[in-house]
Amino acid sequence: MSYFDKHVFFCTNQRADGSDCCGNHGAQKARDYVKSKVKELGISDRANKIRINSAGCLDRCDEGPVLVIYPEGTWYTFIDESDLDEIIVEHLQHGRIVERLKI
């Protein structure tokens, strides 16, 4: 059994050479937004065990920005906070994959 019920990793990689990467698409801001929302909703506590983390390069730059949720191993891309809200409600709260954002 996993220590966390859900473990969310945001690629926040910023490439030194300026080439395309998740960091160029507001990934850190998105990660901070989701971490704040999950805390605000009370689903990041020890009872729910949802953890939001930054990751280095997840090697899917051409599909970015990206995040992955474990233990399912579900990969998502997103455009804005409404996409992130949908992932929070559907996947993190209700365990339903958001097919339209899945990669």
Protein backbone atom coordinates (compact mmCIF):
# COMPACT_ATOMS: atom_id res chain seq x y z
CA MET A 1 0.00 0.00 0.00
CA SER A 2 1.22 3.47 -0.90
CA TYR A 3 2.00 5.97 1.85
CA PHE A 4 -0.10 8.60 0.07
CA ASP A 5 -3.57 7.95 -1.31
CA LYS A 6 -2.69 10.28 -4.21
CA HIS A 7 0.71 11.73 -5.00
CA VAL A 8 0.73 14.51 -7.60
CA PHE A 9 3.94 15.51 -9.36
CA PHE A 10 4.12 18.69 -11.43
CA CYS A 11 6.96 19.02 -13.90
CA THR A 12 8.37 22.44 -13.05
CA ASN A 13 11.54 22.06 -15.07
CA GLN A 14 13.09 25.23 -16.50
CA ARG A 15 15.64 24.62 -19.25
CA ALA A 16 18.73 26.80 -19.10
CA ASP A 17 18.92 27.11 -22.88
CA GLY A 18 15.39 28.54 -23.09
CA SER A 19 13.99 25.63 -25.11
CA ASP A 20 10.38 24.64 -24.56
CA CYS A 21 9.62 23.11 -21.18
CA CYS A 22 6.88 23.03 -18.57
CA GLY A 23 8.50 25.91 -16.70
CA ASN A 24 7.77 28.14 -19.71
CA HIS A 25 4.06 27.38 -19.34
CA GLY A 26 3.48 28.48 -15.74
CA ALA A 27 4.01 25.05 -14.19
CA GLN A 28 5.26 26.38 -10.84
CA LYS A 29 2.29 28.74 -10.53
CA ALA A 30 -0.06 25.84 -11.37
CA ARG A 31 1.59 23.61 -8.78
CA ASP A 32 1.30 26.33 -6.15
CA TYR A 33 -2.37 26.85 -7.07
CA VAL A 34 -3.23 23.15 -6.71
CA LYS A 35 -1.30 22.82 -3.44
CA SER A 36 -3.22 25.79 -2.04
CA LYS A 37 -6.61 24.52 -3.27
CA VAL A 38 -6.07 21.02 -1.92
CA LYS A 39 -5.12 22.48 1.46
CA GLU A 40 -8.12 24.85 1.37
CA LEU A 41 -10.45 21.93 0.62
CA GLY A 42 -8.99 19.97 3.53
CA ILE A 43 -7.96 17.01 1.38
CA SER A 44 -4.22 17.27 1.96
CA ASP A 45 -4.37 16.28 5.60
CA ARG A 46 -3.13 13.00 7.05
CA ALA A 47 -6.57 11.41 6.74
CA ASN A 48 -6.81 11.98 2.98
CA LYS A 49 -3.09 11.73 2.29
CA ILE A 50 -2.96 13.78 -0.91
CA ARG A 51 0.50 15.20 -1.57
CA ILE A 52 1.42 17.83 -4.17
CA ASN A 53 5.08 17.96 -5.25
CA SER A 54 7.34 19.58 -7.80
CA ALA A 55 9.43 17.36 -10.03
CA GLY A 56 12.33 17.94 -12.33
CA CYS A 57 11.93 17.11 -15.98
CA LEU A 58 9.36 14.37 -16.56
CA ASP A 59 10.48 14.07 -20.21
CA ARG A 60 7.15 14.97 -21.83
CA CYS A 61 8.04 18.53 -22.82
CA ASP A 62 6.13 18.39 -26.10
CA GLU A 63 2.91 17.68 -24.18
CA GLY A 64 3.44 20.22 -21.42
CA PRO A 65 2.73 21.51 -19.03
CA VAL A 66 2.25 18.11 -17.41
CA LEU A 67 1.46 16.51 -14.10
CA VAL A 68 1.17 12.87 -13.10
CA ILE A 69 -0.91 11.36 -10.32
CA TYR A 70 0.16 8.18 -8.55
CA PRO A 71 -0.54 5.45 -7.68
CA GLU A 72 -2.65 5.34 -10.84
CA GLY A 73 0.09 6.77 -13.06
CA THR A 74 -2.38 9.09 -14.81
CA TRP A 75 -0.76 11.87 -16.87
CA TYR A 76 -2.49 15.18 -17.52
CA THR A 77 -1.86 18.37 -19.37
CA PHE A 78 -3.69 21.60 -18.53
CA ILE A 79 -4.22 25.13 -19.79
CA ASP A 80 -5.62 27.10 -16.89
CA GLU A 81 -6.98 27.00 -13.36
CA SER A 82 -10.36 25.68 -14.52
CA ASP A 83 -8.58 22.59 -15.90
CA LEU A 84 -6.73 22.21 -12.60
CA ASP A 85 -9.98 22.63 -10.65
CA GLU A 86 -11.52 19.84 -12.72
CA ILE A 87 -8.57 17.53 -11.95
CA ILE A 88 -8.86 18.37 -8.24
CA VAL A 89 -12.59 17.69 -8.04
CA GLU A 90 -12.86 14.75 -10.39
CA HIS A 91 -9.62 12.86 -9.84
CA LEU A 92 -8.38 13.86 -6.40
CA GLN A 93 -11.74 14.08 -4.66
CA HIS A 94 -13.82 11.53 -6.57
CA GLY A 95 -11.27 9.19 -8.16
CA ARG A 96 -12.54 9.77 -11.71
CA ILE A 97 -10.06 10.28 -14.54
CA VAL A 98 -10.55 13.49 -16.54
CA GLU A 99 -10.34 11.98 -20.02
CA ARG A 100 -10.24 15.28 -21.91
CA LEU A 101 -7.02 16.32 -20.13
CA LYS A 102 -5.37 12.90 -20.04
CA ILE A 103 -2.23 12.35 -22.12
